[in-house]
Amino acid sequence: MAEKIKLLREKSGLTQAELARKLGLTRSGVNGWEMGLVIPSTSSIVELSKIFNVSTDYLLGMDANSTININGLTNKEVAVIADLIKCFKDARNSEETQ
């Protein structure tokens, strides 16, 4: 979970201090999570999932799939994203079979 929190935080462009402020915690608390010294509380895991738009199962390592929040997108925009994902998967599969 430590690596996922750090990766999601960095991908979101947040510093440890900024994430801590969003959660009402200290920077050292977030640092402890990212170093694997402390496990976030259940309520913190729920809040992290909301901030990063991922499932709690993903954060807990129960689900290898991340989620993409498509709320507010048109059907056409969703279709473009789905096509892009398929393109990436097809390219990876063709590389693996070569």
C-alpha atoms as a PDB file:
ATOM      1  CA  MET A   1       0.000   0.000   0.000  1.00  0.00           C
ATOM      2  CA  ALA A   2       2.910   2.347   0.727  1.00  0.00           C
ATOM      3  CA  GLU A   3       4.088   2.401  -2.889  1.00  0.00           C
ATOM      4  CA  LYS A   4       0.551   2.912  -4.204  1.00  0.00           C
ATOM      5  CA  ILE A   5      -0.060   5.903  -1.946  1.00  0.00           C
ATOM      6  CA  LYS A   6       3.226   7.509  -2.980  1.00  0.00           C
ATOM      7  CA  LEU A   7       2.634   6.837  -6.681  1.00  0.00           C
ATOM      8  CA  LEU A   8      -0.934   8.173  -6.572  1.00  0.00           C
ATOM      9  CA  ARG A   9       0.169  11.250  -4.622  1.00  0.00           C
ATOM     10  CA  GLU A  10       2.953  12.007  -7.078  1.00  0.00           C
ATOM     11  CA  LYS A  11       0.702  11.410 -10.109  1.00  0.00           C
ATOM     12  CA  SER A  12      -1.757  13.877  -8.569  1.00  0.00           C
ATOM     13  CA  GLY A  13       0.990  16.469  -8.197  1.00  0.00           C
ATOM     14  CA  LEU A  14       0.580  16.679  -4.435  1.00  0.00           C
ATOM     15  CA  THR A  15       3.325  17.013  -1.868  1.00  0.00           C
ATOM     16  CA  GLN A  16       3.133  15.011   1.339  1.00  0.00           C
ATOM     17  CA  ALA A  17       2.215  18.212   3.164  1.00  0.00           C
ATOM     18  CA  GLU A  18      -0.598  19.010   0.717  1.00  0.00           C
ATOM     19  CA  LEU A  19      -2.047  15.502   0.988  1.00  0.00           C
ATOM     20  CA  ALA A  20      -1.777  15.677   4.761  1.00  0.00           C
ATOM     21  CA  ARG A  21      -3.709  18.985   4.804  1.00  0.00           C
ATOM     22  CA  LYS A  22      -6.481  17.464   2.678  1.00  0.00           C
ATOM     23  CA  LEU A  23      -6.758  14.645   5.209  1.00  0.00           C
ATOM     24  CA  GLY A  24      -6.336  16.769   8.332  1.00  0.00           C
ATOM     25  CA  LEU A  25      -3.113  14.974   9.231  1.00  0.00           C
ATOM     26  CA  THR A  26       0.566  15.790   9.573  1.00  0.00           C
ATOM     27  CA  ARG A  27       3.130  15.432   6.803  1.00  0.00           C
ATOM     28  CA  SER A  28       5.026  12.958   8.945  1.00  0.00           C
ATOM     29  CA  GLY A  29       1.901  10.787   9.083  1.00  0.00           C
ATOM     30  CA  VAL A  30       1.750  10.620   5.286  1.00  0.00           C
ATOM     31  CA  ASN A  31       5.495   9.993   5.186  1.00  0.00           C
ATOM     32  CA  GLY A  32       5.015   7.075   7.581  1.00  0.00           C
ATOM     33  CA  TRP A  33       2.432   5.546   5.237  1.00  0.00           C
ATOM     34  CA  GLU A  34       4.700   5.945   2.220  1.00  0.00           C
ATOM     35  CA  MET A  35       7.638   4.382   4.037  1.00  0.00           C
ATOM     36  CA  GLY A  36       5.470   1.468   5.138  1.00  0.00           C
ATOM     37  CA  LEU A  37       6.001   2.215   8.812  1.00  0.00           C
ATOM     38  CA  VAL A  38       2.340   2.896   9.555  1.00  0.00           C
ATOM     39  CA  ILE A  39      -0.877   1.605   7.992  1.00  0.00           C
ATOM     40  CA  PRO A  40      -3.552   4.243   7.367  1.00  0.00           C
ATOM     41  CA  SER A  41      -6.747   3.996   9.402  1.00  0.00           C
ATOM     42  CA  THR A  42      -9.895   2.740   7.740  1.00  0.00           C
ATOM     43  CA  SER A  43     -11.281   6.270   7.492  1.00  0.00           C
ATOM     44  CA  SER A  44      -8.020   7.510   5.932  1.00  0.00           C
ATOM     45  CA  ILE A  45      -8.117   4.714   3.353  1.00  0.00           C
ATOM     46  CA  VAL A  46     -11.652   5.744   2.405  1.00  0.00           C
ATOM     47  CA  GLU A  47     -10.584   9.391   2.095  1.00  0.00           C
ATOM     48  CA  LEU A  48      -7.519   8.457   0.037  1.00  0.00           C
ATOM     49  CA  SER A  49      -9.730   6.482  -2.340  1.00  0.00           C
ATOM     50  CA  LYS A  50     -11.936   9.546  -2.805  1.00  0.00           C
ATOM     51  CA  ILE A  51      -9.007  11.918  -3.340  1.00  0.00           C
ATOM     52  CA  PHE A  52      -7.301   9.650  -5.879  1.00  0.00           C
ATOM     53  CA  ASN A  53     -10.482   8.257  -7.490  1.00  0.00           C
ATOM     54  CA  VAL A  54      -9.502   4.640  -6.874  1.00  0.00           C
ATOM     55  CA  SER A  55     -11.249   1.875  -4.987  1.00  0.00           C
ATOM     56  CA  THR A  56     -10.355   0.988  -1.419  1.00  0.00           C
ATOM     57  CA  ASP A  57      -9.725  -2.544  -2.716  1.00  0.00           C
ATOM     58  CA  TYR A  58      -7.068  -1.135  -5.039  1.00  0.00           C
ATOM     59  CA  LEU A  59      -5.343   0.673  -2.168  1.00  0.00           C
ATOM     60  CA  LEU A  60      -5.483  -2.463  -0.024  1.00  0.00           C
ATOM     61  CA  GLY A  61      -4.035  -4.629  -2.784  1.00  0.00           C
ATOM     62  CA  MET A  62      -7.213  -6.682  -3.130  1.00  0.00           C
ATOM     63  CA  ASP A  63      -7.798  -5.523  -6.694  1.00  0.00           C
ATOM     64  CA  ALA A  64      -5.005  -4.955  -9.181  1.00  0.00           C
ATOM     65  CA  ASN A  65      -7.236  -2.675 -11.252  1.00  0.00           C
ATOM     66  CA  SER A  66      -7.290   1.035 -10.770  1.00  0.00           C
ATOM     67  CA  THR A  67     -10.383   2.977 -11.747  1.00  0.00           C
ATOM     68  CA  ILE A  68     -10.903   5.989 -13.953  1.00  0.00           C
ATOM     69  CA  ASN A  69     -13.593   8.464 -12.974  1.00  0.00           C
ATOM     70  CA  ILE A  70     -15.596   9.232 -16.125  1.00  0.00           C
ATOM     71  CA  ASN A  71     -18.291  11.294 -14.430  1.00  0.00           C
ATOM     72  CA  GLY A  72     -19.129  14.363 -16.480  1.00  0.00           C
ATOM     73  CA  LEU A  73     -17.713  13.004 -19.735  1.00  0.00           C
ATOM     74  CA  THR A  74     -19.846  12.573 -22.828  1.00  0.00           C
ATOM     75  CA  ASN A  75     -20.465   9.136 -24.333  1.00  0.00           C
ATOM     76  CA  LYS A  76     -18.134  10.070 -27.177  1.00  0.00           C
ATOM     77  CA  GLU A  77     -15.351  11.028 -24.751  1.00  0.00           C
ATOM     78  CA  VAL A  78     -15.802   7.748 -22.850  1.00  0.00           C
ATOM     79  CA  ALA A  79     -15.617   5.827 -26.147  1.00  0.00           C
ATOM     80  CA  VAL A  80     -12.342   7.580 -27.038  1.00  0.00           C
ATOM     81  CA  ILE A  81     -10.856   6.618 -23.666  1.00  0.00           C
ATOM     82  CA  ALA A  82     -12.030   3.017 -24.077  1.00  0.00           C
ATOM     83  CA  ASP A  83     -10.467   2.890 -27.572  1.00  0.00           C
ATOM     84  CA  LEU A  84      -7.197   4.274 -26.214  1.00  0.00           C
ATOM     85  CA  ILE A  85      -7.078   1.644 -23.456  1.00  0.00           C
ATOM     86  CA  LYS A  86      -7.768  -1.089 -26.019  1.00  0.00           C
ATOM     87  CA  CYS A  87      -4.977   0.285 -28.226  1.00  0.00           C
ATOM     88  CA  PHE A  88      -2.488   0.158 -25.332  1.00  0.00           C
ATOM     89  CA  LYS A  89      -3.509  -3.402 -24.419  1.00  0.00           C
ATOM     90  CA  ASP A  90      -3.327  -4.590 -28.039  1.00  0.00           C
ATOM     91  CA  ALA A  91       0.140  -3.056 -28.436  1.00  0.00           C
ATOM     92  CA  ARG A  92       1.357  -4.718 -25.244  1.00  0.00           C
ATOM     93  CA  ASN A  93      -0.082  -8.085 -26.298  1.00  0.00           C
ATOM     94  CA  SER A  94       1.578  -7.911 -29.713  1.00  0.00           C
ATOM     95  CA  GLU A  95       4.933  -7.049 -28.078  1.00  0.00           C
ATOM     96  CA  GLU A  96       4.605 -10.012 -25.733  1.00  0.00           C
ATOM     97  CA  THR A  97       3.916 -12.457 -28.565  1.00  0.00           C
ATOM     98  CA  GLN A  98       6.945 -11.350 -30.615  1.00  0.00           C
END
